[in-house]
Amino acid sequence: MKYLLDTHIILWALINDTRIDADTKEIIINKNNTIYYSTISPWEVEIKHTKNKSFKLSGEQFCFLCDQNKLLNLSIQNKHIQELKRIKNSDETKHSDPFDRMLIAQARSENMILITHDQKFKNYKDKNIMIV
């Protein structure tokens, strides 16, 4: 199975944070699964790093750690951008974060499961989203 990890899930996994449950850890370490991080994630990390000096990890360091932990990079492709128009963005979702919307588009386009802890994702009722 192919999984795409939301940025905070990757950060928590890298530091072995207790907010990641045992089932999610098992998915990440299971050799039968292929685990990806989106190009969106280091971009998001770099923005946080630049704006908030207490956020120590840079986008470059994030990429290095992902590569070191054998996470595969999923670059943004035209088909991901085209999928954005099919993602419902209404008052019902109450969620317009462009980074998150791109992660959903990538997961859908690539037939992956997006793993997140963000409760705003539940409003999408999408089979490609797993909220942990």
Protein backbone atom coordinates (compact mmCIF):
# COMPACT_ATOMS: atom_id res chain seq x y z
CA MET A 1 0.00 0.00 0.00
CA LYS A 2 1.17 3.55 -0.73
CA TYR A 3 0.91 6.23 1.95
CA LEU A 4 1.50 9.97 1.85
CA LEU A 5 2.30 11.51 5.23
CA ASP A 6 1.12 14.94 6.29
CA THR A 7 3.95 17.19 7.44
CA HIS A 8 3.19 16.96 11.16
CA ILE A 9 3.03 13.15 10.99
CA ILE A 10 6.53 13.09 9.49
CA LEU A 11 7.85 15.50 12.11
CA TRP A 12 6.31 13.41 14.90
CA ALA A 13 7.71 10.20 13.42
CA LEU A 14 11.19 11.70 13.15
CA ILE A 15 11.25 12.58 16.85
CA ASN A 16 9.27 9.52 17.98
CA ASP A 17 6.51 11.74 19.38
CA THR A 18 3.88 10.05 21.53
CA ARG A 19 1.09 11.58 19.42
CA ILE A 20 1.68 8.87 16.81
CA ASP A 21 -0.27 5.77 17.76
CA ALA A 22 0.97 2.21 17.40
CA ASP A 23 -1.12 1.53 14.27
CA THR A 24 0.39 4.52 12.46
CA LYS A 25 3.90 3.52 13.50
CA GLU A 26 3.25 0.03 12.15
CA ILE A 27 2.10 1.43 8.80
CA ILE A 28 5.25 3.55 8.55
CA ILE A 29 7.71 0.77 9.43
CA ASN A 30 5.94 -2.03 7.54
CA LYS A 31 8.24 -3.04 4.65
CA ASN A 32 5.20 -3.89 2.50
CA ASN A 33 4.15 -0.23 2.50
CA THR A 34 5.68 2.56 0.47
CA ILE A 35 5.87 5.82 2.39
CA TYR A 36 6.03 9.20 0.67
CA TYR A 37 6.46 12.81 1.64
CA SER A 38 5.25 15.57 -0.63
CA THR A 39 7.39 18.41 -1.90
CA ILE A 40 4.79 20.49 -0.06
CA SER A 41 6.19 19.35 3.31
CA PRO A 42 9.73 20.77 3.14
CA TRP A 43 8.25 23.94 1.64
CA GLU A 44 5.90 24.23 4.63
CA VAL A 45 8.76 23.46 7.05
CA GLU A 46 10.98 26.10 5.44
CA ILE A 47 8.26 28.74 5.77
CA LYS A 48 7.85 27.90 9.47
CA HIS A 49 11.63 27.88 9.95
CA THR A 50 12.04 31.27 8.26
CA LYS A 51 9.15 32.93 10.12
CA ASN A 52 9.77 31.37 13.52
CA LYS A 53 13.38 31.07 14.64
CA SER A 54 12.35 28.72 17.45
CA PHE A 55 11.36 26.23 14.71
CA LYS A 56 14.87 24.84 14.33
CA LEU A 57 14.42 22.43 11.44
CA SER A 58 14.94 23.88 7.95
CA GLY A 59 13.38 22.55 4.77
CA GLU A 60 16.77 21.24 3.69
CA GLN A 61 17.27 19.39 6.98
CA PHE A 62 13.75 18.00 6.72
CA CYS A 63 14.51 16.58 3.24
CA PHE A 64 17.75 15.08 4.50
CA LEU A 65 15.97 13.34 7.39
CA CYS A 66 13.21 12.07 5.12
CA ASP A 67 15.76 10.68 2.68
CA GLN A 68 17.80 9.18 5.52
CA ASN A 69 14.64 7.43 6.77
CA LYS A 70 13.90 6.11 3.26
CA LEU A 71 10.77 8.18 2.68
CA LEU A 72 10.19 8.76 -1.02
CA ASN A 73 9.63 12.25 -2.38
CA LEU A 74 6.45 12.94 -4.33
CA SER A 75 6.98 16.01 -6.51
CA ILE A 76 4.07 18.16 -7.55
CA GLN A 77 2.88 17.22 -11.02
CA ASN A 78 0.35 18.72 -13.42
CA LYS A 79 -2.16 15.96 -12.69
CA HIS A 80 -2.05 16.92 -8.99
CA ILE A 81 -2.83 20.53 -9.84
CA GLN A 82 -5.68 19.43 -12.10
CA GLU A 83 -7.11 17.30 -9.27
CA LEU A 84 -7.45 20.42 -7.10
CA LYS A 85 -10.56 21.48 -9.02
CA ARG A 86 -12.28 18.26 -7.97
CA ILE A 87 -11.73 18.86 -4.27
CA LYS A 88 -14.76 20.33 -2.64
CA ASN A 89 -13.99 23.67 -1.04
CA SER A 90 -17.09 25.00 0.62
CA ASP A 91 -18.34 26.24 3.94
CA GLU A 92 -18.93 22.57 4.75
CA THR A 93 -15.22 21.73 4.69
CA LYS A 94 -14.16 24.89 6.57
CA HIS A 95 -10.68 24.13 5.35
CA SER A 96 -8.93 26.04 2.61
CA ASP A 97 -5.26 25.52 3.49
CA PRO A 98 -3.53 25.28 0.08
CA PHE A 99 -0.84 22.90 1.40
CA ASP A 100 -3.45 20.49 2.74
CA ARG A 101 -5.54 20.70 -0.41
CA MET A 102 -2.50 19.79 -2.51
CA LEU A 103 -1.78 16.79 -0.27
CA ILE A 104 -5.35 15.59 -0.84
CA ALA A 105 -4.97 16.10 -4.59
CA GLN A 106 -1.71 14.17 -4.64
CA ALA A 107 -3.15 11.29 -2.61
CA ARG A 108 -6.16 11.04 -4.90
CA SER A 109 -4.12 11.29 -8.10
CA GLU A 110 -1.62 8.67 -7.00
CA ASN A 111 -4.13 6.33 -5.33
CA MET A 112 -2.45 6.77 -1.96
CA ILE A 113 -3.74 7.09 1.56
CA LEU A 114 -2.95 10.45 3.15
CA ILE A 115 -2.22 10.04 6.86
CA THR A 116 -2.95 13.11 8.98
CA HIS A 117 -3.95 14.07 12.48
CA ASP A 118 -5.69 17.25 11.32
CA GLN A 119 -9.37 16.92 12.23
CA LYS A 120 -10.39 19.42 9.53
CA PHE A 121 -9.79 16.66 6.97
CA LYS A 122 -12.80 14.68 8.26
CA ASN A 123 -15.13 17.12 6.50
CA TYR A 124 -13.91 15.85 3.13
CA LYS A 125 -15.26 12.32 3.69
CA ASP A 126 -12.58 11.08 1.31
CA LYS A 127 -11.50 7.44 1.03
CA ASN A 128 -7.91 8.63 0.44
CA ILE A 129 -7.66 10.29 3.87
CA MET A 130 -6.86 8.47 7.10
CA ILE A 131 -7.15 10.59 10.24
CA VAL A 132 -5.17 9.21 13.16
